[in-house]
């Protein structure tokens, strides 16, 4: 059985589909699974034991509309997919864009989530099955497993962690980073992730600064490592004179190897937090506009913090005051850190 999974997705979104792939392999061990993925998230799937082939979506013609872009990429799709017929095309993206893309995929069954936009509702008929997953307060991993279960296995809710596998060499790379900065094994390695795909998901810089000073003053042997990525360059200078190690610009797999050796991560709602969860690193997630019930793995070692404001969660990418993030006070974060760092 040949299965093509599709998701362009951000890093964290793609990583959260990995438990569903494991479920497919457990139920159909002889299946061959290909993952068709956007370039930014492709590295997160590397070395995954349940994926047989990664196909990177090399998007072209950026100035064209999505429909015309896919039409113009006809030869690109033909070169990669005309020679194979899949048994299933499993569309985790399930957008009108992925519906256009599905036209070039030969599959006996095409399965995805229902498109609800009335203007594009007819695109639902390009697929054999479209489902409406309504549980917004359920861990999003279950959404993908539920869609995968339409291949023919029983759906059971789970709280499974995402799957990310580093090679031994990659693990050594992360260890080298800590040795370079003379951070010892017994030090309390506290990772701080300031990144956020939306401005509204970012904890204010002044809150990070206050937290760093609290940790430095009150936690013995604490070594703080500031994690950042593309788009964060303009705030790094605020941390220059603080007791924190700022990592250099690194690729995604190197970033993951640095996280692998940490003890605890304090993070906005972003892909870094999902990477830490996959390695069993303790986390404190700072949530504002997004729904913590859907996007957070929660247990005694993974704490979720959010402000008690009526307007959240709103899923807005723009906001004038971002009160939901401002009201997560540094002293509250610090007290939760003391609880789980022991």
Protein backbone atom coordinates (compact mmCIF):
# COMPACT_ATOMS: atom_id res chain seq x y z
CA UNK A 1 0.00 0.00 0.00
CA UNK A 2 1.44 3.34 -1.08
CA UNK A 3 0.41 6.47 0.82
CA UNK A 4 1.23 10.11 0.06
CA UNK A 5 0.84 12.54 2.96
CA UNK A 6 0.73 16.25 2.21
CA UNK A 7 1.32 19.24 4.47
CA UNK A 8 3.17 22.44 3.66
CA UNK A 9 2.90 23.65 7.25
CA UNK A 10 5.09 25.42 9.75
CA UNK A 11 7.73 23.37 11.57
CA UNK A 12 5.57 22.64 14.61
CA UNK A 13 2.47 21.87 12.55
CA UNK A 14 4.33 19.27 10.49
CA UNK A 15 6.00 17.76 13.55
CA UNK A 16 2.59 17.28 15.18
CA UNK A 17 1.51 15.02 12.29
CA UNK A 18 4.24 12.47 13.08
CA UNK A 19 2.25 10.41 15.66
CA UNK A 20 -0.37 9.79 12.96
CA UNK A 21 2.31 8.43 10.63
CA UNK A 22 3.46 6.09 13.38
CA UNK A 23 -0.14 4.87 13.76
CA UNK A 24 -0.36 4.16 10.04
CA UNK A 25 2.85 2.12 10.12
CA UNK A 26 1.72 0.22 13.22
CA UNK A 27 -1.54 -0.76 11.52
CA UNK A 28 -0.09 -1.26 8.04
CA UNK A 29 3.55 -2.27 8.60
CA UNK A 30 4.10 -3.13 4.92
CA UNK A 31 2.88 0.27 3.72
CA UNK A 32 5.17 2.69 1.91
CA UNK A 33 4.73 6.25 3.18
CA UNK A 34 5.85 9.30 1.23
CA UNK A 35 5.59 12.76 2.80
CA UNK A 36 5.10 15.74 0.46
CA UNK A 37 6.12 18.79 2.51
CA UNK A 38 7.11 22.44 2.30
CA UNK A 39 10.86 23.22 2.36
CA UNK A 40 10.89 25.03 5.73
CA UNK A 41 9.58 22.02 7.64
CA UNK A 42 11.18 19.23 5.61
CA UNK A 43 14.24 18.94 7.85
CA UNK A 44 12.06 18.08 10.85
CA UNK A 45 11.04 14.83 9.13
CA UNK A 46 14.57 13.71 8.29
CA UNK A 47 15.55 10.36 9.83
CA UNK A 48 11.94 9.60 10.86
CA UNK A 49 11.74 5.77 10.98
CA UNK A 50 8.12 5.72 9.77
CA UNK A 51 8.63 7.75 6.58
CA UNK A 52 10.06 6.04 3.51
CA UNK A 53 10.52 9.10 1.31
CA UNK A 54 10.41 12.88 1.72
CA UNK A 55 9.35 14.92 -1.32
CA UNK A 56 9.95 18.68 -0.97
CA UNK A 57 7.39 21.04 -2.50
CA UNK A 58 9.61 23.41 -4.48
CA UNK A 59 7.11 26.24 -4.88
CA UNK A 60 7.73 28.41 -7.93
CA UNK A 61 6.31 31.57 -9.57
CA UNK A 62 5.83 33.59 -6.34
CA UNK A 63 4.09 36.49 -8.11
CA UNK A 64 1.27 34.34 -9.49
CA UNK A 65 -1.97 33.54 -7.67
CA UNK A 66 -2.09 30.09 -6.07
CA UNK A 67 -4.28 28.68 -8.83
CA UNK A 68 -2.12 30.01 -11.67
CA UNK A 69 1.02 28.95 -9.80
CA UNK A 70 -0.13 25.33 -9.72
CA UNK A 71 -1.13 25.47 -13.40
CA UNK A 72 2.33 26.85 -14.28
CA UNK A 73 4.01 24.07 -12.27
CA UNK A 74 2.42 21.32 -14.36
CA UNK A 75 5.76 19.98 -15.64
CA UNK A 76 7.26 20.04 -12.13
CA UNK A 77 4.41 17.90 -10.80
CA UNK A 78 4.49 15.61 -13.83
CA UNK A 79 8.22 14.91 -13.38
CA UNK A 80 7.67 13.86 -9.75
CA UNK A 81 4.29 12.18 -9.68
CA UNK A 82 3.24 10.95 -13.13
CA UNK A 83 5.07 7.64 -12.70
CA UNK A 84 3.27 6.54 -9.53
CA UNK A 85 -0.29 5.84 -8.44
CA UNK A 86 -0.87 5.98 -4.72
CA UNK A 87 -3.48 3.99 -2.88
CA UNK A 88 -4.16 6.99 -0.65
CA UNK A 89 -3.52 10.73 -0.79
CA UNK A 90 -3.88 11.95 2.80
CA UNK A 91 -4.22 15.73 2.83
CA UNK A 92 -3.31 17.09 6.27
CA UNK A 93 -3.16 20.61 4.83
CA UNK A 94 -6.74 20.50 3.48
CA UNK A 95 -6.85 24.00 2.02
CA UNK A 96 -8.08 25.17 -1.35
CA UNK A 97 -4.39 25.31 -2.33
CA UNK A 98 -3.85 21.64 -1.53
CA UNK A 99 -7.03 20.81 -3.46
CA UNK A 100 -5.47 22.43 -6.55
CA UNK A 101 -2.28 20.41 -5.96
CA UNK A 102 -4.25 17.17 -5.60
CA UNK A 103 -5.25 17.43 -9.27
CA UNK A 104 -1.74 16.25 -10.22
CA UNK A 105 -1.68 13.37 -7.73
CA UNK A 106 -2.86 10.00 -8.98
CA UNK A 107 -4.49 8.19 -6.06
CA UNK A 108 -7.27 5.64 -5.69
CA UNK A 109 -8.56 7.46 -2.61
CA UNK A 110 -8.10 11.13 -1.71
CA UNK A 111 -8.92 12.04 1.89
CA UNK A 112 -8.89 15.39 3.70
CA UNK A 113 -10.68 17.75 6.05
CA UNK A 114 -13.74 19.56 4.77
CA UNK A 115 -13.29 22.96 3.15
CA UNK A 116 -15.95 25.22 4.69
CA UNK A 117 -15.42 28.38 2.65
CA UNK A 118 -18.64 28.71 0.63
CA UNK A 119 -16.74 30.20 -2.32
CA UNK A 120 -14.58 27.08 -2.62
CA UNK A 121 -16.97 24.44 -1.32
CA UNK A 122 -17.06 22.61 -4.68
CA UNK A 123 -13.37 21.70 -4.19
CA UNK A 124 -14.55 19.15 -1.62
CA UNK A 125 -15.79 17.00 -4.52
CA UNK A 126 -12.25 16.47 -5.80
CA UNK A 127 -11.78 14.06 -2.88
CA UNK A 128 -13.38 10.71 -2.07
CA UNK A 129 -13.75 11.57 1.60
CA UNK A 130 -13.87 14.88 3.44
CA UNK A 131 -14.42 15.00 7.20
CA UNK A 132 -15.36 17.81 9.54
CA UNK A 133 -13.26 17.52 12.70
CA UNK A 134 -15.03 19.65 15.30
CA UNK A 135 -13.05 19.06 18.51
CA UNK A 136 -11.23 22.38 18.87
CA UNK A 137 -10.27 21.68 22.49
CA UNK A 138 -8.58 18.37 21.74
CA UNK A 139 -4.81 18.04 21.30
CA UNK A 140 -4.28 18.62 17.57
CA UNK A 141 -2.32 15.36 17.23
CA UNK A 142 -5.70 13.61 17.50
CA UNK A 143 -7.04 15.55 14.53
CA UNK A 144 -4.39 14.06 12.28
CA UNK A 145 -4.73 10.56 13.74
CA UNK A 146 -8.48 10.72 13.17
CA UNK A 147 -7.98 11.58 9.51
CA UNK A 148 -5.40 8.79 9.18
CA UNK A 149 -7.83 6.30 10.75
CA UNK A 150 -9.99 6.60 7.64
CA UNK A 151 -7.44 4.32 6.02
CA UNK A 152 -9.01 1.54 8.06
CA UNK A 153 -8.03 1.40 11.71
CA UNK A 154 -9.84 2.27 14.94
CA UNK A 155 -9.40 5.84 16.17
CA UNK A 156 -8.47 6.14 19.86
CA UNK A 157 -7.64 9.49 21.42
CA UNK A 158 -4.07 9.83 22.58
CA UNK A 159 -1.63 12.25 24.15
CA UNK A 160 1.35 11.02 22.15
CA UNK A 161 4.39 13.20 21.75
CA UNK A 162 5.70 14.18 18.32
CA UNK A 163 8.52 12.13 16.84
CA UNK A 164 11.91 13.64 15.98
CA UNK A 165 14.99 11.46 15.57
CA UNK A 166 18.52 12.83 15.67
CA UNK A 167 21.51 10.88 14.40
CA UNK A 168 24.42 10.19 16.79
CA UNK A 169 26.47 12.79 14.90
CA UNK A 170 23.75 15.41 15.33
CA UNK A 171 23.59 14.70 19.06
CA UNK A 172 27.36 15.28 19.24
CA UNK A 173 26.90 18.63 17.48
CA UNK A 174 24.62 19.86 20.27
CA UNK A 175 27.00 18.59 22.92
CA UNK A 176 29.86 20.49 21.25
CA UNK A 177 27.88 23.73 21.59
CA UNK A 178 27.65 23.35 25.38
CA UNK A 179 31.33 22.46 25.68
CA UNK A 180 32.28 25.51 23.62
CA UNK A 181 30.49 27.79 26.09
CA UNK A 182 31.81 25.80 29.09
CA UNK A 183 28.32 24.79 30.19
CA UNK A 184 28.68 21.69 32.35
CA UNK A 185 26.50 18.59 32.50
CA UNK A 186 25.35 19.38 36.06
CA UNK A 187 24.44 23.00 35.28
CA UNK A 188 20.74 23.80 35.07
CA UNK A 189 20.40 24.40 31.33
CA UNK A 190 17.38 26.67 30.84
CA UNK A 191 16.41 27.27 27.22
CA UNK A 192 14.50 30.43 26.31
CA UNK A 193 12.68 30.54 22.96
CA UNK A 194 11.66 34.06 21.95
CA UNK A 195 10.40 33.12 18.48
CA UNK A 196 6.81 33.32 17.27
CA UNK A 197 5.36 33.02 13.77
CA UNK A 198 2.84 35.73 14.71
CA UNK A 199 3.68 38.95 16.53
CA UNK A 200 0.72 38.27 18.82
CA UNK A 201 2.28 35.02 20.05
CA UNK A 202 5.47 36.71 21.26
CA UNK A 203 6.00 37.37 24.96
CA UNK A 204 7.23 41.00 25.34
CA UNK A 205 11.01 41.51 25.39
CA UNK A 206 10.81 43.37 28.71
CA UNK A 207 9.18 40.32 30.30
CA UNK A 208 11.97 38.08 29.04
CA UNK A 209 14.56 40.48 30.45
CA UNK A 210 12.88 40.54 33.86
CA UNK A 211 12.68 36.73 33.91
CA UNK A 212 16.36 36.38 32.96
CA UNK A 213 17.37 38.66 35.83
CA UNK A 214 15.19 36.70 38.28
CA UNK A 215 16.74 33.39 37.22
CA UNK A 216 20.26 34.76 37.39
CA UNK A 217 19.69 36.15 40.87
CA UNK A 218 17.85 33.26 42.48
CA UNK A 219 18.78 29.94 40.80
CA UNK A 220 22.25 28.60 41.48
CA UNK A 221 24.15 27.05 38.54
CA UNK A 222 21.56 28.29 36.06
CA UNK A 223 22.82 28.61 32.51
CA UNK A 224 20.38 30.34 30.18
CA UNK A 225 20.52 29.73 26.43
CA UNK A 226 18.55 32.06 24.17
CA UNK A 227 17.11 30.30 21.11
CA UNK A 228 16.11 32.32 18.09
CA UNK A 229 15.42 31.99 14.39
CA UNK A 230 14.64 33.98 11.24
CA UNK A 231 12.69 37.12 12.08
CA UNK A 232 14.15 37.51 15.59
CA UNK A 233 17.31 39.38 14.57
CA UNK A 234 15.88 42.79 15.46
CA UNK A 235 15.41 41.93 19.15
CA UNK A 236 18.70 40.14 19.88
CA UNK A 237 20.53 43.34 20.82
CA UNK A 238 18.19 43.74 23.83
CA UNK A 239 19.84 40.65 25.37
CA UNK A 240 23.48 41.59 24.69
CA UNK A 241 24.43 42.60 28.24
CA UNK A 242 22.39 39.98 30.06
CA UNK A 243 23.63 36.72 31.63
CA UNK A 244 22.41 34.58 28.74
CA UNK A 245 24.16 32.63 25.97
CA UNK A 246 22.75 33.62 22.58
CA UNK A 247 23.11 30.80 20.08
CA UNK A 248 24.59 31.60 16.67
CA UNK A 249 22.51 31.33 13.53
CA UNK A 250 22.04 27.59 12.97
CA UNK A 251 19.96 25.28 10.80
CA UNK A 252 16.92 23.46 12.12
CA UNK A 253 18.63 20.14 12.89
CA UNK A 254 21.45 21.89 14.78
CA UNK A 255 18.87 23.85 16.78
CA UNK A 256 17.16 20.57 17.64
CA UNK A 257 20.48 19.09 18.80
CA UNK A 258 21.02 22.07 21.15
CA UNK A 259 17.51 21.61 22.56
CA UNK A 260 18.18 17.88 23.00
CA UNK A 261 20.82 18.58 25.68
CA UNK A 262 18.76 21.15 27.63
CA UNK A 263 16.91 20.61 30.91
CA UNK A 264 13.92 22.90 30.56
CA UNK A 265 12.45 25.17 27.91
CA UNK A 266 10.43 28.35 28.42
CA UNK A 267 8.79 29.22 25.14
CA UNK A 268 6.11 31.02 23.21
CA UNK A 269 3.66 28.82 21.32
CA UNK A 270 5.99 27.76 18.51
CA UNK A 271 7.67 24.80 16.86
CA UNK A 272 10.61 24.87 19.28
CA UNK A 273 8.27 23.85 22.10
CA UNK A 274 7.09 20.83 20.09
CA UNK A 275 10.71 19.85 19.40
CA UNK A 276 11.47 19.97 23.13
CA UNK A 277 8.41 17.85 23.87
CA UNK A 278 9.60 15.19 21.42
CA UNK A 279 12.85 14.91 23.44
CA UNK A 280 11.08 14.76 26.84
CA UNK A 281 12.52 18.15 27.78
CA UNK A 282 10.42 19.88 30.45
CA UNK A 283 8.58 22.90 29.10
CA UNK A 284 6.69 26.00 30.14
CA UNK A 285 4.47 27.22 27.30
CA UNK A 286 3.34 30.86 27.16
CA UNK A 287 -0.01 31.11 25.40
CA UNK A 288 -1.85 34.18 24.20
CA UNK A 289 -4.07 34.16 21.11
CA UNK A 290 -3.85 30.41 20.46
CA UNK A 291 -5.81 27.65 22.17
CA UNK A 292 -3.60 25.80 24.65
CA UNK A 293 -5.99 22.82 24.66
CA UNK A 294 -5.32 22.21 20.99
CA UNK A 295 -1.64 23.08 20.73
CA UNK A 296 -0.06 22.00 24.00
CA UNK A 297 1.12 18.67 25.27
CA UNK A 298 0.28 18.96 28.96
CA UNK A 299 1.41 16.83 31.88
CA UNK A 300 3.32 17.32 35.13
CA UNK A 301 6.51 18.17 33.22
CA UNK A 302 4.88 20.43 30.62
CA UNK A 303 3.19 23.47 32.09
CA UNK A 304 0.91 25.89 30.30
CA UNK A 305 0.57 29.56 31.29
CA UNK A 306 -1.95 32.08 30.00
CA UNK A 307 -3.57 35.28 31.23
CA UNK A 308 -7.15 35.39 32.43
CA UNK A 309 -8.45 37.78 29.78
CA UNK A 310 -11.87 37.37 28.16
CA UNK A 311 -10.76 37.95 24.57
CA UNK A 312 -8.50 34.90 24.35
CA UNK A 313 -8.07 32.59 22.58
CA UNK A 314 -8.81 34.61 19.45
CA UNK A 315 -6.31 33.28 16.86
CA UNK A 316 -5.63 36.83 15.72
CA UNK A 317 -2.29 37.50 14.07
CA UNK A 318 -2.63 41.25 14.71
CA UNK A 319 -3.67 43.10 17.86
CA UNK A 320 -3.15 46.64 19.13
CA UNK A 321 -2.19 45.81 22.71
CA UNK A 322 -1.57 42.01 22.93
CA UNK A 323 -2.75 42.12 26.53
CA UNK A 324 -3.01 38.32 26.70
CA UNK A 325 0.79 38.02 26.43
CA UNK A 326 1.67 41.09 28.48
CA UNK A 327 -0.39 39.82 31.41
CA UNK A 328 1.67 36.64 31.79
CA UNK A 329 3.90 38.10 34.47
CA UNK A 330 7.60 37.10 34.80
CA UNK A 331 7.27 36.27 38.51
CA UNK A 332 4.51 33.76 37.72
CA UNK A 333 6.69 32.10 35.08
CA UNK A 334 9.60 32.04 37.51
CA UNK A 335 7.55 30.36 40.25
CA UNK A 336 6.41 27.64 37.86
CA UNK A 337 10.04 27.19 36.78
CA UNK A 338 11.01 26.59 40.42
CA UNK A 339 8.33 23.88 40.66
CA UNK A 340 9.60 21.76 37.77
CA UNK A 341 13.31 22.44 37.63
CA UNK A 342 14.08 20.30 40.65
